[in-house]
Amino acid sequence: MTVTIGRRELLAALGGAVAAWPRAARGQQPERLRRIGVLMAWPESDPEAQSEVASFVQELQKLGWTEGRDLRIDTRWWIPTDQESTHRFAKELVSLRPDVILSQGTSTTAALLRETRTIPIVFTVVADPIGSGFVASLARPGGNTTARIGALFVGNDFLFNSRMEQVTALAARYAIPTMYSYREFVVAGGLISYGTSLIEQYRQIGLYAGRILKGEKPADLPVIQATKIGLTINLKTAKTLGLEVPATLLALADEVIE
């Protein structure tokens, strides 16, 4: 069957198609490339730190953000031989004007806040965000020296986390029963740890970064507190210290190192 169309009808049809094409094309244009800065308080060679960043990226992928397609991630790692690297990298990342910055540690967060008060910063591994002046409150963000102590608790801070072997060795040397925030200290020879998982923290940070990229304001996002806590005990260290761990405590432990 042959269909005949007149010149007027042809021009009208083409006109409608041409008019509709730009709108369709505009609808298919990808969104602008979003940018995330990452400032780590660990060297790039650290495998645990690599796993933490990987889990952060994986969480973003679950939310539909793909590095290289609609997302660029600029990562800076602490250099142990360069004490000024944290401050220099903080300045570099801020100059890139990212949409959000991931900060690991108290010192890195402080360095970033000295450079910007406008770019959203999501942080982790911070001992006291309120006392450090990072947030006004958890719900609405807006050193001691002594003679002899009976026990010691090592808080969650980069200063201690970056010196696990040194800290646990000193505790053993002076025979001080010590509790830590992370199981890695116990694996390194510490007595006991009770705290959350670093990997889980980075998953949560990935979730928050994704929400900020979609338009939510960091000032309105509450600081998430850990809900999954693990107890790890090193029985070998307990024996060295002359301590007997109660059976009831061992029964509650998530991991016992013998």
Protein backbone atom coordinates (compact mmCIF):
# COMPACT_ATOMS: atom_id res chain seq x y z
CA MET A 1 0.00 0.00 0.00
CA THR A 2 1.28 3.45 -0.92
CA VAL A 3 0.67 6.45 1.36
CA THR A 4 0.85 9.93 -0.13
CA ILE A 5 1.48 12.96 2.09
CA GLY A 6 1.33 16.55 0.96
CA ARG A 7 4.06 19.18 1.39
CA ARG A 8 2.12 21.05 4.08
CA GLU A 9 1.52 17.87 6.09
CA LEU A 10 5.18 16.85 5.71
CA LEU A 11 6.45 20.19 7.00
CA ALA A 12 4.00 20.08 9.90
CA ALA A 13 5.15 16.59 10.84
CA LEU A 14 8.83 17.52 10.60
CA GLY A 15 8.21 20.69 12.57
CA GLY A 16 6.64 18.71 15.38
CA ALA A 17 9.54 16.25 15.39
CA VAL A 18 12.15 19.03 15.39
CA ALA A 19 10.36 20.82 18.19
CA ALA A 20 10.16 17.67 20.27
CA TRP A 21 13.76 16.53 19.71
CA PRO A 22 15.54 19.10 21.89
CA ARG A 23 13.27 18.33 24.82
CA ALA A 24 13.91 14.59 24.48
CA ALA A 25 17.63 15.17 24.11
CA ARG A 26 17.69 17.39 27.15
CA GLY A 27 15.88 14.73 29.13
CA GLN A 28 18.58 12.19 28.30
CA GLN A 29 21.51 14.42 29.22
CA PRO A 30 23.44 13.05 32.21
CA GLU A 31 23.51 15.00 35.44
CA ARG A 32 26.60 17.05 36.18
CA LEU A 33 29.59 15.20 37.59
CA ARG A 34 29.50 15.31 41.38
CA ARG A 35 32.74 15.39 43.37
CA ILE A 36 33.74 13.90 46.72
CA GLY A 37 36.96 14.60 48.58
CA VAL A 38 38.43 12.02 50.97
CA LEU A 39 41.07 12.85 53.59
CA MET A 40 42.43 9.78 55.37
CA ALA A 41 44.47 9.76 58.58
CA TRP A 42 46.19 6.53 57.53
CA PRO A 43 48.88 5.92 54.88
CA GLU A 44 47.78 4.56 51.52
CA SER A 45 49.69 1.32 52.16
CA ASP A 46 47.41 0.36 55.07
CA PRO A 47 45.11 -2.51 53.99
CA GLU A 48 42.45 -1.79 56.62
CA ALA A 49 42.18 1.82 55.46
CA GLN A 50 41.84 0.64 51.86
CA SER A 51 38.98 -1.65 52.90
CA GLU A 52 37.28 1.21 54.72
CA VAL A 53 37.38 3.49 51.69
CA ALA A 54 36.18 0.62 49.49
CA SER A 55 33.11 0.09 51.70
CA PHE A 56 32.39 3.83 51.53
CA VAL A 57 32.44 3.69 47.72
CA GLN A 58 30.34 0.51 47.66
CA GLU A 59 27.62 2.19 49.70
CA LEU A 60 27.55 5.09 47.25
CA GLN A 61 27.21 2.60 44.39
CA LYS A 62 24.17 1.05 46.10
CA LEU A 63 22.60 4.52 46.04
CA GLY A 64 23.18 4.84 42.29
CA TRP A 65 26.43 6.84 42.26
CA THR A 66 29.15 5.41 40.02
CA GLU A 67 32.72 6.68 40.01
CA GLY A 68 33.72 7.69 36.51
CA ARG A 69 30.13 8.14 35.33
CA ASP A 70 28.45 10.71 37.56
CA LEU A 71 30.92 10.81 40.44
CA ARG A 72 34.59 11.68 40.94
CA ILE A 73 36.42 10.84 44.16
CA ASP A 74 39.67 12.62 45.07
CA THR A 75 41.49 10.83 47.89
CA ARG A 76 44.43 12.07 49.93
CA TRP A 77 46.36 9.80 52.34
CA TRP A 78 48.42 10.81 55.36
CA ILE A 79 52.17 10.59 54.77
CA PRO A 80 53.96 9.36 57.94
CA THR A 81 57.23 11.07 56.97
CA ASP A 82 55.51 14.38 56.28
CA GLN A 83 53.85 15.85 59.35
CA GLU A 84 52.42 18.75 57.34
CA SER A 85 50.72 16.49 54.81
CA THR A 86 47.34 16.60 56.57
CA HIS A 87 47.13 20.39 56.46
CA ARG A 88 48.41 20.56 52.89
CA PHE A 89 45.97 17.94 51.64
CA ALA A 90 43.08 19.61 53.46
CA LYS A 91 43.82 22.82 51.59
CA GLU A 92 44.11 20.93 48.28
CA LEU A 93 40.79 19.16 48.68
CA VAL A 94 38.93 22.32 49.64
CA SER A 95 40.38 24.12 46.60
CA LEU A 96 38.78 21.47 44.38
CA ARG A 97 35.35 22.60 45.63
CA PRO A 98 33.88 19.12 46.13
CA ASP A 99 30.21 18.59 46.94
CA VAL A 100 31.11 16.73 50.15
CA ILE A 101 34.30 15.67 51.97
CA LEU A 102 34.87 12.48 53.95
CA SER A 103 37.22 13.05 56.88
CA GLN A 104 38.80 10.27 58.94
CA GLY A 105 40.05 11.33 62.35
CA THR A 106 40.07 14.29 64.71
CA SER A 107 43.16 15.96 63.24
CA THR A 108 41.96 15.71 59.64
CA THR A 109 38.53 17.10 60.52
CA ALA A 110 40.08 20.02 62.39
CA ALA A 111 42.37 20.74 59.43
CA LEU A 112 39.44 20.73 57.00
CA LEU A 113 37.33 23.02 59.19
CA ARG A 114 40.17 25.52 59.21
CA GLU A 115 39.87 25.65 55.43
CA THR A 116 36.10 25.68 54.93
CA ARG A 117 32.87 26.28 56.79
CA THR A 118 30.65 25.81 53.77
CA ILE A 119 31.55 22.47 52.14
CA PRO A 120 29.70 19.56 53.85
CA ILE A 121 32.06 17.31 55.82
CA VAL A 122 31.14 13.80 56.97
CA PHE A 123 33.57 12.50 59.57
CA THR A 124 34.42 9.29 61.39
CA VAL A 125 36.89 8.06 64.04
CA VAL A 126 36.48 11.24 66.08
CA ALA A 127 36.77 10.86 69.84
CA ASP A 128 34.61 13.81 70.94
CA PRO A 129 32.89 15.75 68.14
CA ILE A 130 31.16 18.11 70.59
CA GLY A 131 34.22 18.76 72.75
CA SER A 132 36.33 19.26 69.62
CA GLY A 133 33.92 21.92 68.42
CA PHE A 134 32.88 20.00 65.30
CA VAL A 135 29.15 19.89 66.11
CA ALA A 136 26.87 21.72 68.51
CA SER A 137 25.12 18.49 69.54
CA LEU A 138 24.75 14.91 68.37
CA ALA A 139 21.08 15.31 67.50
CA ARG A 140 21.52 18.68 65.77
CA PRO A 141 25.05 19.19 64.54
CA GLY A 142 25.39 22.89 63.73
CA GLY A 143 45.67 14.75 78.17
CA ASN A 144 46.07 13.71 81.63
CA THR A 145 49.16 12.87 83.56
CA THR A 146 49.41 10.95 86.93
CA ALA A 147 51.76 8.79 89.38
CA ARG A 148 50.16 5.38 89.07
CA ILE A 149 46.86 4.13 87.58
CA GLY A 150 45.06 0.84 88.08
CA ALA A 151 43.65 0.61 84.55
CA LEU A 152 43.58 2.58 81.34
CA PHE A 153 41.10 3.24 78.54
CA VAL A 154 42.51 4.29 75.16
CA GLY A 155 39.98 6.43 73.34
CA ASN A 156 39.10 6.54 69.66
CA ASP A 157 41.58 8.94 68.11
CA PHE A 158 44.06 8.90 65.25
CA LEU A 159 46.94 9.67 67.64
CA PHE A 160 46.41 6.27 69.27
CA ASN A 161 45.07 4.37 66.27
CA SER A 162 48.17 5.11 64.21
CA ARG A 163 50.42 3.76 66.98
CA MET A 164 48.71 0.51 67.94
CA GLU A 165 51.87 -1.54 68.44
CA GLN A 166 53.54 1.21 70.44
CA VAL A 167 50.52 1.77 72.69
CA THR A 168 49.95 -1.94 73.41
CA ALA A 169 53.68 -2.46 74.01
CA LEU A 170 53.75 0.36 76.58
CA ALA A 171 50.68 -1.02 78.34
CA ALA A 172 52.40 -4.42 78.56
CA ARG A 173 55.71 -2.90 79.67
CA TYR A 174 54.09 -1.13 82.61
CA ALA A 175 51.63 -3.99 83.27
CA ILE A 176 48.57 -1.76 82.95
CA PRO A 177 45.26 -3.47 82.10
CA THR A 178 43.98 -1.49 79.13
CA MET A 179 40.72 -1.37 77.18
CA TYR A 180 40.59 -0.11 73.59
CA SER A 181 37.99 1.07 71.12
CA TYR A 182 38.87 -1.35 68.33
CA ARG A 183 39.67 -5.08 68.12
CA GLU A 184 42.81 -4.30 66.09
CA PHE A 185 44.49 -3.23 69.36
CA VAL A 186 43.69 -6.61 70.91
CA VAL A 187 45.03 -8.43 67.87
CA ALA A 188 48.22 -6.38 68.32
CA GLY A 189 48.52 -7.57 71.94
CA GLY A 190 46.08 -5.41 73.88
CA LEU A 191 43.92 -6.86 76.64
CA ILE A 192 40.34 -6.08 75.70
CA SER A 193 38.33 -3.96 73.29
CA TYR A 194 34.73 -2.92 73.19
CA GLY A 195 33.61 -0.89 70.22
CA THR A 196 32.10 -0.69 66.80
CA SER A 197 33.40 -1.88 63.44
CA LEU A 198 35.37 0.57 61.31
CA ILE A 199 33.97 -1.01 58.14
CA GLU A 200 30.41 -0.43 59.37
CA GLN A 201 31.24 3.21 60.06
CA TYR A 202 32.35 3.71 56.49
CA ARG A 203 29.17 2.15 55.16
CA GLN A 204 27.20 4.68 57.19
CA ILE A 205 29.37 7.51 55.89
CA GLY A 206 28.74 6.37 52.34
CA LEU A 207 25.01 6.53 53.04
CA TYR A 208 25.27 10.07 54.44
CA ALA A 209 27.45 11.27 51.56
CA GLY A 210 24.85 9.94 49.13
CA ARG A 211 22.04 11.78 50.94
CA ILE A 212 24.01 15.05 50.84
CA LEU A 213 24.65 14.61 47.11
CA LYS A 214 20.88 14.34 46.65
CA GLY A 215 20.34 17.70 48.35
CA GLU A 216 19.96 17.07 52.10
CA LYS A 217 21.67 19.58 54.38
CA PRO A 218 24.43 18.24 56.69
CA ALA A 219 23.24 20.60 59.43
CA ASP A 220 20.00 18.62 59.59
CA LEU A 221 21.56 15.14 59.59
CA PRO A 222 22.08 13.79 63.13
CA VAL A 223 25.38 12.22 64.13
CA ILE A 224 24.87 8.45 63.99
CA GLN A 225 25.92 6.58 67.10
CA ALA A 226 27.09 2.99 66.94
CA THR A 227 24.46 0.31 67.50
CA LYS A 228 26.55 -2.80 66.82
CA ILE A 229 29.29 -3.21 69.46
CA GLY A 230 31.83 -6.02 69.60
CA LEU A 231 33.75 -7.37 72.62
CA THR A 232 37.21 -8.89 72.00
CA ILE A 233 39.48 -10.38 74.69
CA ASN A 234 43.11 -11.47 74.48
CA LEU A 235 43.58 -14.31 77.01
CA LYS A 236 47.33 -14.49 76.41
CA THR A 237 47.70 -10.86 77.45
CA ALA A 238 45.44 -11.42 80.46
CA LYS A 239 47.68 -14.28 81.61
CA THR A 240 50.79 -12.10 81.18
CA LEU A 241 49.20 -9.45 83.38
CA GLY A 242 48.23 -12.06 85.97
CA LEU A 243 44.53 -11.50 85.41
CA GLU A 244 41.82 -14.13 85.43
CA VAL A 245 38.99 -13.29 83.05
CA PRO A 246 35.60 -14.29 84.54
CA ALA A 247 33.78 -17.03 82.67
CA THR A 248 30.70 -14.83 82.46
CA LEU A 249 32.70 -12.17 80.59
CA LEU A 250 34.21 -14.75 78.24
CA ALA A 251 30.71 -16.00 77.45
CA LEU A 252 29.71 -12.49 76.39
CA ALA A 253 32.74 -11.98 74.15
CA ASP A 254 32.30 -11.89 70.39
CA GLU A 255 35.92 -12.97 69.91
CA VAL A 256 38.51 -14.54 72.22
CA ILE A 257 42.18 -14.57 71.21
CA GLU A 258 44.20 -17.33 72.91
